[in-house]
């Protein structure tokens, strides 16, 4: 199935961001992942008679950071409501959420898409508690794990500004990067810390919005794109076949690559929202806002702009070294240790090449890097000061990983200083030229690409320690005599 060009897709995402607090939103139970089933419960989570919720203040701080970072209007007095439905993973028979008075409204998420700046508007960001998890065992029964019940969530609801599955995936990546920068969530989709529901409809350009279908159970960027593309194609086939798209909730089956009808789509009135009588209004004081604002780091877009404008990094390089906050902090620390802007581009190159390769092979994060930012800066400085060549630097880097020694100590101990004595280099070049008369004749006959052969022979003789620029210069002089 492929959508016809006459149809326009209209997509909005509802993203649940699990806030990285130690305890739940309305009780003291742990939020730690991976505990035995039902280990992290208490009377509030279980909905036992007489148990009253108490709001976790850390949740407000984290939610305010997200609201401020996305340019939202902060509601200084918001309310919690009861969203009522009956399901085994909801012991109380209702979910505490926010309805008509959400904490944050009218923000946006900026990101790059198809090589250009892009913006998706936000309708709202509201707080709610998570439900438990149904585990469908083999046979005709299911089990309920309530460890997740009561975990704090920010639900980020976008406007229907998205027009493709690829764009939706990029928006989701940008939101994940943002919450990780803010330090409010690990954004781990595999563990359910970031979950996405997609609302998809199609229409003829200029027509009113079409019938909306909700896609649930999407747990990766790739599946977000594939699920939306499938749904666009499915709706197109239905309409072009003379049928009608039904408003419903569909479950994405990633194994089969299809969506399956789950239930008819509920509307707000189906949940019978009303203000929770056990919780007072959530009031945001000036101190709350200032504390959240002071905790904001330099955000990804601003960091990319600084790196391109100040250091002249390409857009791709700047985005690569700012993909994660720890990575960007490492880069800044290395440039500071280098002591000048001249180190920025080579440091970015080393981070994306040798350092990235080492971290990937070892399975370590940048925070666990065996090479500290100051040590990488020192290595780059040795190259830029012509103390060692780039080839020797790779050898030194490997020793740094193994031993933790400083690059200067390794270079001194192993006698790896670059040969810059032009007399010594000229003697080596002359020896190579004399030993290869056939290649010399071919070079002088027009096969100038053979220069690389001569350079390689000299570097081999010098153990990689001869200055490559000087070698090139001298060889050209000798070969063109």
Protein backbone atom coordinates (compact mmCIF):
# COMPACT_ATOMS: atom_id res chain seq x y z
CA UNK A 1 0.00 0.00 0.00
CA UNK A 2 1.24 3.51 -0.78
CA UNK A 3 -0.65 6.76 -0.25
CA UNK A 4 -1.72 8.66 -3.33
CA UNK A 5 -0.33 12.15 -3.85
CA UNK A 6 -3.83 13.62 -3.69
CA UNK A 7 -4.10 12.94 0.04
CA UNK A 8 -2.52 14.95 2.86
CA UNK A 9 -1.74 13.28 6.18
CA UNK A 10 -2.37 15.13 9.44
CA UNK A 11 -0.57 13.78 12.51
CA UNK A 12 -0.35 14.70 16.17
CA UNK A 13 1.63 12.86 18.84
CA UNK A 14 0.85 12.27 22.50
CA UNK A 15 4.14 11.46 24.22
CA UNK A 16 4.31 10.18 27.79
CA UNK A 17 7.60 11.19 29.43
CA UNK A 18 8.37 9.30 32.64
CA UNK A 19 9.96 11.71 35.09
CA UNK A 20 13.14 10.46 36.72
CA UNK A 21 12.13 10.85 40.35
CA UNK A 22 13.03 8.38 43.10
CA UNK A 23 9.44 8.02 44.30
CA UNK A 24 6.01 8.07 42.70
CA UNK A 25 3.89 11.11 42.03
CA UNK A 26 1.48 10.67 44.95
CA UNK A 27 3.22 8.20 47.26
CA UNK A 28 6.62 7.15 48.58
CA UNK A 29 6.98 3.89 46.63
CA UNK A 30 10.09 3.50 44.49
CA UNK A 31 10.05 4.11 40.75
CA UNK A 32 13.11 1.91 40.10
CA UNK A 33 12.85 -0.26 36.99
CA UNK A 34 13.27 -4.03 37.06
CA UNK A 35 11.92 -4.97 40.50
CA UNK A 36 9.93 -8.19 40.99
CA UNK A 37 6.24 -7.79 40.10
CA UNK A 38 4.21 -5.72 42.57
CA UNK A 39 7.24 -4.99 44.78
CA UNK A 40 6.79 -1.20 44.50
CA UNK A 41 3.25 -0.72 45.75
CA UNK A 42 1.58 0.86 48.76
CA UNK A 43 -1.95 1.71 49.96
CA UNK A 44 -2.17 4.76 47.67
CA UNK A 45 -1.06 2.81 44.59
CA UNK A 46 -3.43 -0.04 45.44
CA UNK A 47 -6.35 2.33 46.01
CA UNK A 48 -7.05 1.03 49.50
CA UNK A 49 -9.83 2.76 51.48
CA UNK A 50 -8.62 5.76 53.46
CA UNK A 51 -5.28 6.11 51.58
CA UNK A 52 -4.74 9.72 50.48
CA UNK A 53 -2.37 10.99 47.76
CA UNK A 54 0.41 13.46 48.62
CA UNK A 55 1.98 15.34 45.71
CA UNK A 56 5.71 14.87 45.00
CA UNK A 57 7.25 18.37 44.74
CA UNK A 58 10.12 17.10 42.55
CA UNK A 59 7.56 16.32 39.86
CA UNK A 60 6.55 19.97 39.67
CA UNK A 61 10.17 21.11 39.34
CA UNK A 62 10.82 18.70 36.47
CA UNK A 63 7.58 19.56 34.68
CA UNK A 64 8.32 23.28 34.95
CA UNK A 65 11.75 22.74 33.39
CA UNK A 66 10.13 21.05 30.41
CA UNK A 67 7.47 23.74 30.12
CA UNK A 68 10.03 26.55 30.22
CA UNK A 69 12.38 24.79 27.77
CA UNK A 70 9.54 24.44 25.24
CA UNK A 71 8.36 28.03 25.62
CA UNK A 72 5.05 27.12 27.24
CA UNK A 73 2.73 29.38 29.16
CA UNK A 74 2.83 28.17 32.77
CA UNK A 75 -0.51 28.02 34.53
CA UNK A 76 0.11 29.35 38.02
CA UNK A 77 -2.90 27.46 39.42
CA UNK A 78 -3.74 24.09 37.87
CA UNK A 79 -5.92 21.20 38.99
CA UNK A 80 -5.75 17.43 39.14
CA UNK A 81 -8.78 15.49 37.88
CA UNK A 82 -9.99 11.92 38.00
CA UNK A 83 -10.05 10.20 34.62
CA UNK A 84 -12.38 7.28 35.18
CA UNK A 85 -12.21 3.97 33.40
CA UNK A 86 -12.14 0.35 34.49
CA UNK A 87 -9.20 -1.84 33.63
CA UNK A 88 -7.23 -4.40 35.69
CA UNK A 89 -4.07 -2.25 35.77
CA UNK A 90 -5.94 0.66 37.42
CA UNK A 91 -6.74 -0.39 41.00
CA UNK A 92 -8.59 2.79 41.99
CA UNK A 93 -10.92 2.68 39.00
CA UNK A 94 -9.60 6.10 37.93
CA UNK A 95 -6.34 7.73 36.91
CA UNK A 96 -5.24 11.02 38.46
CA UNK A 97 -4.46 13.34 35.58
CA UNK A 98 -5.01 16.95 34.51
CA UNK A 99 -7.84 17.86 32.18
CA UNK A 100 -9.19 21.36 31.65
CA UNK A 101 -6.50 23.09 33.74
CA UNK A 102 -3.13 21.67 32.59
CA UNK A 103 0.16 22.97 33.97
CA UNK A 104 1.67 24.05 30.63
CA UNK A 105 0.15 25.20 27.34
CA UNK A 106 1.02 26.56 23.87
CA UNK A 107 4.72 25.73 23.61
CA UNK A 108 6.75 24.26 20.76
CA UNK A 109 9.57 21.86 19.92
CA UNK A 110 12.16 22.97 17.36
CA UNK A 111 14.28 20.52 15.39
CA UNK A 112 15.96 20.03 12.04
CA UNK A 113 14.03 18.17 9.36
CA UNK A 114 15.11 17.63 5.76
CA UNK A 115 18.01 20.02 6.28
CA UNK A 116 15.90 22.94 7.48
CA UNK A 117 14.70 24.31 10.85
CA UNK A 118 11.30 22.94 11.79
CA UNK A 119 8.77 23.59 14.54
CA UNK A 120 5.90 21.54 15.97
CA UNK A 121 3.52 23.41 18.26
CA UNK A 122 2.41 21.95 21.56
CA UNK A 123 -1.18 22.03 22.74
CA UNK A 124 -0.33 21.23 26.35
CA UNK A 125 1.94 19.47 28.80
CA UNK A 126 0.09 18.01 31.73
CA UNK A 127 0.90 15.81 34.72
CA UNK A 128 -0.56 12.41 35.44
CA UNK A 129 0.16 9.10 37.10
CA UNK A 130 1.01 6.01 35.09
CA UNK A 131 -1.15 2.89 35.14
CA UNK A 132 0.12 -0.60 35.88
CA UNK A 133 1.03 -3.20 33.29
CA UNK A 134 -0.93 -6.21 32.10
CA UNK A 135 1.22 -9.23 31.32
CA UNK A 136 -0.58 -11.59 28.97
CA UNK A 137 0.62 -15.09 29.80
CA UNK A 138 0.22 -18.15 27.65
CA UNK A 139 -3.31 -19.42 28.05
CA UNK A 140 -6.58 -17.66 28.79
CA UNK A 141 -5.45 -15.37 31.59
CA UNK A 142 -3.41 -12.23 32.24
CA UNK A 143 -1.29 -11.07 35.17
CA UNK A 144 -1.10 -7.53 36.57
CA UNK A 145 2.12 -5.83 37.67
CA UNK A 146 1.50 -2.57 39.55
CA UNK A 147 5.14 -1.48 39.90
CA UNK A 148 4.57 1.16 37.24
CA UNK A 149 1.27 2.37 38.70
CA UNK A 150 1.71 5.85 40.15
CA UNK A 151 4.96 6.63 38.33
CA UNK A 152 4.97 10.37 37.41
CA UNK A 153 4.39 11.28 33.76
CA UNK A 154 4.42 14.44 31.71
CA UNK A 155 2.10 13.98 28.75
CA UNK A 156 3.28 16.17 25.87
CA UNK A 157 0.45 16.72 23.39
CA UNK A 158 1.35 18.23 20.03
CA UNK A 159 -0.83 20.15 17.62
CA UNK A 160 -1.60 18.23 14.38
CA UNK A 161 1.37 19.91 12.67
CA UNK A 162 3.16 16.75 11.49
CA UNK A 163 2.74 15.53 7.93
CA UNK A 164 4.71 12.28 7.66
CA UNK A 165 6.01 9.33 9.63
CA UNK A 166 9.59 10.46 9.10
CA UNK A 167 8.80 13.91 10.50
CA UNK A 168 7.07 12.34 13.51
CA UNK A 169 10.15 10.24 14.26
CA UNK A 170 12.42 13.32 14.09
CA UNK A 171 10.10 15.26 16.40
CA UNK A 172 10.18 12.38 18.88
CA UNK A 173 13.99 12.23 18.72
CA UNK A 174 14.17 15.96 19.42
CA UNK A 175 11.82 15.64 22.41
CA UNK A 176 13.84 12.73 23.80
CA UNK A 177 17.07 14.71 23.41
CA UNK A 178 15.46 17.65 25.20
CA UNK A 179 14.23 15.71 28.25
CA UNK A 180 17.64 14.05 28.58
CA UNK A 181 19.38 17.45 28.38
CA UNK A 182 17.06 18.74 31.08
CA UNK A 183 17.91 15.77 33.31
CA UNK A 184 14.25 14.99 33.94
CA UNK A 185 13.99 11.61 32.18
CA UNK A 186 16.31 8.99 30.74
CA UNK A 187 14.01 8.77 27.69
CA UNK A 188 14.51 5.01 27.47
CA UNK A 189 11.81 3.77 25.11
CA UNK A 190 12.67 0.11 25.68
CA UNK A 191 11.89 0.45 29.39
CA UNK A 192 8.79 2.57 28.78
CA UNK A 193 10.28 5.88 29.98
CA UNK A 194 9.17 7.46 26.70
CA UNK A 195 5.98 6.16 25.10
CA UNK A 196 4.18 7.50 22.09
CA UNK A 197 0.61 7.40 20.79
CA UNK A 198 0.00 8.80 17.31
CA UNK A 199 -3.24 10.37 16.05
CA UNK A 200 -3.43 10.01 12.27
CA UNK A 201 -5.94 11.21 9.70
CA UNK A 202 -5.86 12.04 6.00
CA UNK A 203 -7.71 14.61 3.91
CA UNK A 204 -7.66 16.32 0.56
CA UNK A 205 -5.53 19.49 0.83
CA UNK A 206 -7.69 22.38 2.04
CA UNK A 207 -10.46 20.14 3.37
CA UNK A 208 -11.45 19.92 7.07
CA UNK A 209 -9.64 17.37 9.20
CA UNK A 210 -10.47 13.76 8.46
CA UNK A 211 -11.51 11.03 10.91
CA UNK A 212 -8.76 10.49 13.45
CA UNK A 213 -7.33 7.08 14.34
CA UNK A 214 -5.13 6.60 17.41
CA UNK A 215 -2.14 4.25 17.21
CA UNK A 216 -0.89 2.83 20.51
CA UNK A 217 1.99 0.66 21.73
CA UNK A 218 4.77 2.32 19.72
CA UNK A 219 8.11 1.87 21.44
CA UNK A 220 10.84 2.97 19.03
CA UNK A 221 11.57 5.79 16.58
CA UNK A 222 11.60 3.36 13.68
CA UNK A 223 8.24 1.88 14.65
CA UNK A 224 6.71 5.36 15.02
CA UNK A 225 7.61 6.06 11.41
CA UNK A 226 6.51 2.63 10.15
CA UNK A 227 3.23 2.64 12.10
CA UNK A 228 2.23 6.07 10.80
CA UNK A 229 3.20 5.23 7.22
CA UNK A 230 1.14 2.03 7.44
CA UNK A 231 -1.88 3.87 8.84
CA UNK A 232 -1.71 6.57 6.16
CA UNK A 233 -1.65 3.88 3.50
CA UNK A 234 -4.48 1.93 5.17
CA UNK A 235 -6.75 4.97 5.37
CA UNK A 236 -5.96 5.90 1.79
CA UNK A 237 -6.94 2.43 0.62
CA UNK A 238 -10.17 2.57 2.62
CA UNK A 239 -11.24 5.94 1.24
CA UNK A 240 -10.22 5.25 -2.34
CA UNK A 241 -12.15 2.00 -2.14
CA UNK A 242 -15.31 3.93 -1.28
CA UNK A 243 -15.25 3.07 2.43
CA UNK A 244 -15.29 5.21 5.57
CA UNK A 245 -12.50 5.53 8.12
CA UNK A 246 -13.78 4.61 11.58
CA UNK A 247 -12.65 6.58 14.61
CA UNK A 248 -10.90 3.98 16.73
CA UNK A 249 -7.82 3.01 18.69
CA UNK A 250 -5.51 0.60 16.90
CA UNK A 251 -2.64 -1.41 18.31
CA UNK A 252 0.66 -1.45 16.39
CA UNK A 253 2.02 -4.99 15.93
CA UNK A 254 5.72 -4.42 15.25
CA UNK A 255 6.39 -8.11 14.56
CA UNK A 256 3.88 -8.26 11.70
CA UNK A 257 4.21 -4.62 10.65
CA UNK A 258 0.46 -3.99 10.81
CA UNK A 259 -2.03 -2.16 13.03
CA UNK A 260 -4.97 -4.02 14.55
CA UNK A 261 -8.29 -2.63 15.73
CA UNK A 262 -8.35 -2.45 19.53
CA UNK A 263 -11.48 -0.52 20.51
CA UNK A 264 -13.62 2.43 19.48
CA UNK A 265 -11.99 5.72 20.35
CA UNK A 266 -13.13 7.26 23.62
CA UNK A 267 -13.92 10.96 23.92
CA UNK A 268 -13.36 13.13 27.01
CA UNK A 269 -16.97 12.70 28.18
CA UNK A 270 -16.47 8.92 28.27
CA UNK A 271 -13.96 9.38 31.09
CA UNK A 272 -16.32 11.49 33.24
CA UNK A 273 -13.57 13.86 34.38
CA UNK A 274 -14.08 15.81 37.59
CA UNK A 275 -11.65 17.60 39.97
CA UNK A 276 -9.97 15.20 42.40
CA UNK A 277 -11.39 16.05 45.85
CA UNK A 278 -8.35 14.57 47.63
CA UNK A 279 -5.85 16.97 46.04
CA UNK A 280 -5.76 20.76 46.39
CA UNK A 281 -5.03 23.01 43.40
CA UNK A 282 -1.40 22.91 42.25
CA UNK A 283 -0.07 26.43 42.83
CA UNK A 284 3.19 27.50 41.16
CA UNK A 285 4.99 30.09 43.27
CA UNK A 286 7.59 32.56 41.98
CA UNK A 287 10.30 30.57 43.75
CA UNK A 288 9.21 27.40 41.95
CA UNK A 289 9.58 29.08 38.57
CA UNK A 290 12.94 30.64 39.40
CA UNK A 291 14.33 27.36 40.69
CA UNK A 292 13.25 25.57 37.51
CA UNK A 293 14.60 28.36 35.30
CA UNK A 294 17.96 28.34 37.09
CA UNK A 295 18.23 24.58 36.50
CA UNK A 296 17.91 24.90 32.71
CA UNK A 297 21.10 24.01 30.83
CA UNK A 298 22.14 25.45 27.48
CA UNK A 299 19.61 23.73 25.24
CA UNK A 300 20.56 21.68 22.15
CA UNK A 301 19.60 24.25 19.49
CA UNK A 302 21.47 27.05 21.29
CA UNK A 303 24.49 24.83 21.74
CA UNK A 304 24.60 23.91 18.05
CA UNK A 305 24.37 27.58 17.12
CA UNK A 306 27.24 28.48 19.45
CA UNK A 307 29.50 25.75 18.11
CA UNK A 308 28.90 26.67 14.48
CA UNK A 309 29.23 30.41 15.02
CA UNK A 310 32.16 30.50 17.44
CA UNK A 311 34.24 27.53 16.32
CA UNK A 312 33.20 27.25 12.69
CA UNK A 313 32.07 23.64 13.08
CA UNK A 314 29.86 22.30 10.30
CA UNK A 315 26.22 21.81 11.19
CA UNK A 316 26.65 18.03 11.07
CA UNK A 317 29.69 18.11 13.37
CA UNK A 318 27.98 20.46 15.82
CA UNK A 319 24.90 18.24 15.99
CA UNK A 320 27.04 15.14 16.42
CA UNK A 321 28.97 16.45 19.44
CA UNK A 322 25.82 17.88 21.04
CA UNK A 323 23.61 14.82 20.52
CA UNK A 324 23.75 14.15 24.28
CA UNK A 325 24.35 16.63 27.07
CA UNK A 326 27.29 14.63 28.48
CA UNK A 327 28.86 14.55 25.02
CA UNK A 328 28.49 18.31 24.62
CA UNK A 329 29.91 18.89 28.10
CA UNK A 330 32.90 16.68 27.20
CA UNK A 331 33.52 18.73 24.05
CA UNK A 332 33.37 22.03 25.91
CA UNK A 333 35.68 20.71 28.63
CA UNK A 334 38.19 19.53 26.02
CA UNK A 335 38.19 22.87 24.17
CA UNK A 336 38.67 24.71 27.47
CA UNK A 337 41.55 22.41 28.40
CA UNK A 338 43.12 22.97 24.98
CA UNK A 339 43.25 26.66 25.73
CA UNK A 340 42.07 28.07 22.43
CA UNK A 341 39.46 27.85 19.71
CA UNK A 342 41.98 26.24 17.33
CA UNK A 343 41.46 22.95 19.09
CA UNK A 344 37.69 22.81 18.49
CA UNK A 345 37.56 21.25 15.01
CA UNK A 346 40.19 18.54 15.59
CA UNK A 347 38.65 17.71 18.98
CA UNK A 348 35.25 17.29 17.31
CA UNK A 349 36.87 15.04 14.68
CA UNK A 350 38.59 12.87 17.29
CA UNK A 351 35.37 12.58 19.30
CA UNK A 352 33.45 11.34 16.27
CA UNK A 353 36.18 8.96 15.08
CA UNK A 354 38.61 7.35 17.52
CA UNK A 355 36.73 8.14 20.74
CA UNK A 356 33.33 7.11 19.35
CA UNK A 357 34.83 3.86 18.02
CA UNK A 358 36.36 3.05 21.42
CA UNK A 359 33.12 3.75 23.28
CA UNK A 360 31.07 1.69 20.83
CA UNK A 361 33.43 -1.27 21.08
CA UNK A 362 33.58 -1.15 24.87
CA UNK A 363 29.88 -0.42 25.35
CA UNK A 364 30.71 2.58 27.53
CA UNK A 365 29.06 5.99 27.67
CA UNK A 366 30.97 9.24 27.33
CA UNK A 367 30.74 9.63 31.12
CA UNK A 368 32.66 6.34 31.42
CA UNK A 369 35.27 7.25 28.81
CA UNK A 370 38.77 5.94 29.60
CA UNK A 371 40.15 9.11 28.00
CA UNK A 372 39.30 12.26 29.88
CA UNK A 373 38.47 15.48 28.03
CA UNK A 374 41.70 17.14 29.20
CA UNK A 375 43.76 14.17 27.94
CA UNK A 376 42.14 14.32 24.49
CA UNK A 377 42.84 18.06 24.38
CA UNK A 378 46.49 17.37 25.24
CA UNK A 379 46.74 14.80 22.46
CA UNK A 380 45.26 17.21 19.89
CA UNK A 381 47.68 19.91 21.03
CA UNK A 382 50.64 17.57 20.48
CA UNK A 383 49.44 17.07 16.89
CA UNK A 384 48.82 20.77 16.25
CA UNK A 385 52.23 21.68 17.71
CA UNK A 386 53.90 19.15 15.35
CA UNK A 387 55.21 17.09 18.26
CA UNK A 388 53.58 13.94 16.80
CA UNK A 389 51.89 13.06 13.53
CA UNK A 390 48.26 12.12 13.18
CA UNK A 391 49.26 8.50 12.52
CA UNK A 392 51.38 8.31 15.67
CA UNK A 393 48.57 10.02 17.60
CA UNK A 394 46.28 7.05 16.89
CA UNK A 395 48.90 4.74 18.41
CA UNK A 396 49.22 7.04 21.41
CA UNK A 397 45.44 7.12 21.81
CA UNK A 398 45.32 3.34 21.97
CA UNK A 399 47.95 3.35 24.73
CA UNK A 400 46.00 6.05 26.58
CA UNK A 401 42.92 3.80 26.56
CA UNK A 402 44.91 0.82 27.88
CA UNK A 403 47.00 2.58 30.52
CA UNK A 404 45.32 5.85 31.39
CA UNK A 405 48.68 7.59 30.99
CA UNK A 406 48.91 11.12 29.63
CA UNK A 407 49.78 11.46 25.92
CA UNK A 408 52.89 13.52 26.68
CA UNK A 409 54.23 10.80 28.98
CA UNK A 410 53.55 8.10 26.38
CA UNK A 411 55.25 10.07 23.61
CA UNK A 412 58.32 10.71 25.76
CA UNK A 413 58.54 7.14 27.11
CA UNK A 414 58.24 5.50 23.68
CA UNK A 415 60.30 8.07 21.76
CA UNK A 416 57.49 8.98 19.39
CA UNK A 417 58.33 12.64 18.84
CA UNK A 418 57.87 13.70 15.25
CA UNK A 419 61.01 14.18 13.16
CA UNK A 420 61.01 17.78 11.95
CA UNK A 421 64.73 18.04 11.09
CA UNK A 422 64.59 18.75 7.36
CA UNK A 423 68.10 17.41 6.85
CA UNK A 424 67.21 14.01 8.31
CA UNK A 425 63.95 13.86 6.40
CA UNK A 426 65.65 14.86 3.13
CA UNK A 427 68.14 12.03 3.56
CA UNK A 428 65.32 9.52 3.98
CA UNK A 429 63.46 10.93 0.98
CA UNK A 430 66.58 10.76 -1.19
CA UNK A 431 67.12 7.14 -0.17
CA UNK A 432 63.57 6.22 -1.19
CA UNK A 433 63.89 8.04 -4.52
CA UNK A 434 67.20 6.31 -5.28
CA UNK A 435 65.73 2.89 -4.42
CA UNK A 436 62.76 3.24 -6.84
CA UNK A 437 64.03 4.48 -10.23
CA UNK A 438 61.11 2.91 -12.12
CA UNK A 439 58.52 4.76 -10.09
CA UNK A 440 60.56 7.97 -10.40
CA UNK A 441 60.51 7.67 -14.19
CA UNK A 442 56.76 6.98 -14.18
CA UNK A 443 56.12 9.98 -11.92
CA UNK A 444 58.13 12.25 -14.18
CA UNK A 445 56.19 10.79 -17.11
CA UNK A 446 52.95 12.16 -15.69
CA UNK A 447 51.80 9.62 -13.12
CA UNK A 448 51.87 12.16 -10.29
CA UNK A 449 49.60 10.02 -8.10
CA UNK A 450 52.72 7.99 -7.34
CA UNK A 451 53.64 10.71 -4.86
CA UNK A 452 51.53 8.83 -2.33
CA UNK A 453 53.69 5.75 -2.83
CA UNK A 454 56.88 7.69 -2.10
CA UNK A 455 55.34 9.38 0.96
CA UNK A 456 54.25 5.99 2.28
CA UNK A 457 57.77 4.57 1.85
CA UNK A 458 59.35 7.48 3.74
CA UNK A 459 56.79 7.26 6.55
CA UNK A 460 57.44 3.52 6.78
CA UNK A 461 61.19 4.07 7.05
CA UNK A 462 60.73 6.72 9.73
CA UNK A 463 58.31 4.61 11.75
CA UNK A 464 55.61 7.18 11.07
CA UNK A 465 57.55 9.88 12.86
CA UNK A 466 58.54 12.08 9.90
CA UNK A 467 56.47 15.24 9.48
CA UNK A 468 54.13 14.40 6.54
CA UNK A 469 53.97 18.01 5.30
CA UNK A 470 57.76 18.25 5.18
CA UNK A 471 57.99 14.84 3.51
CA UNK A 472 55.57 15.92 0.77
CA UNK A 473 57.42 19.15 0.18
CA UNK A 474 60.85 17.52 -0.07
CA UNK A 475 59.68 14.62 -2.27
CA UNK A 476 58.04 16.97 -4.76
CA UNK A 477 61.29 18.91 -4.99
CA UNK A 478 63.37 15.76 -5.55
CA UNK A 479 60.99 14.16 -8.04
CA UNK A 480 60.56 17.26 -10.16
CA UNK A 481 64.29 17.92 -10.60
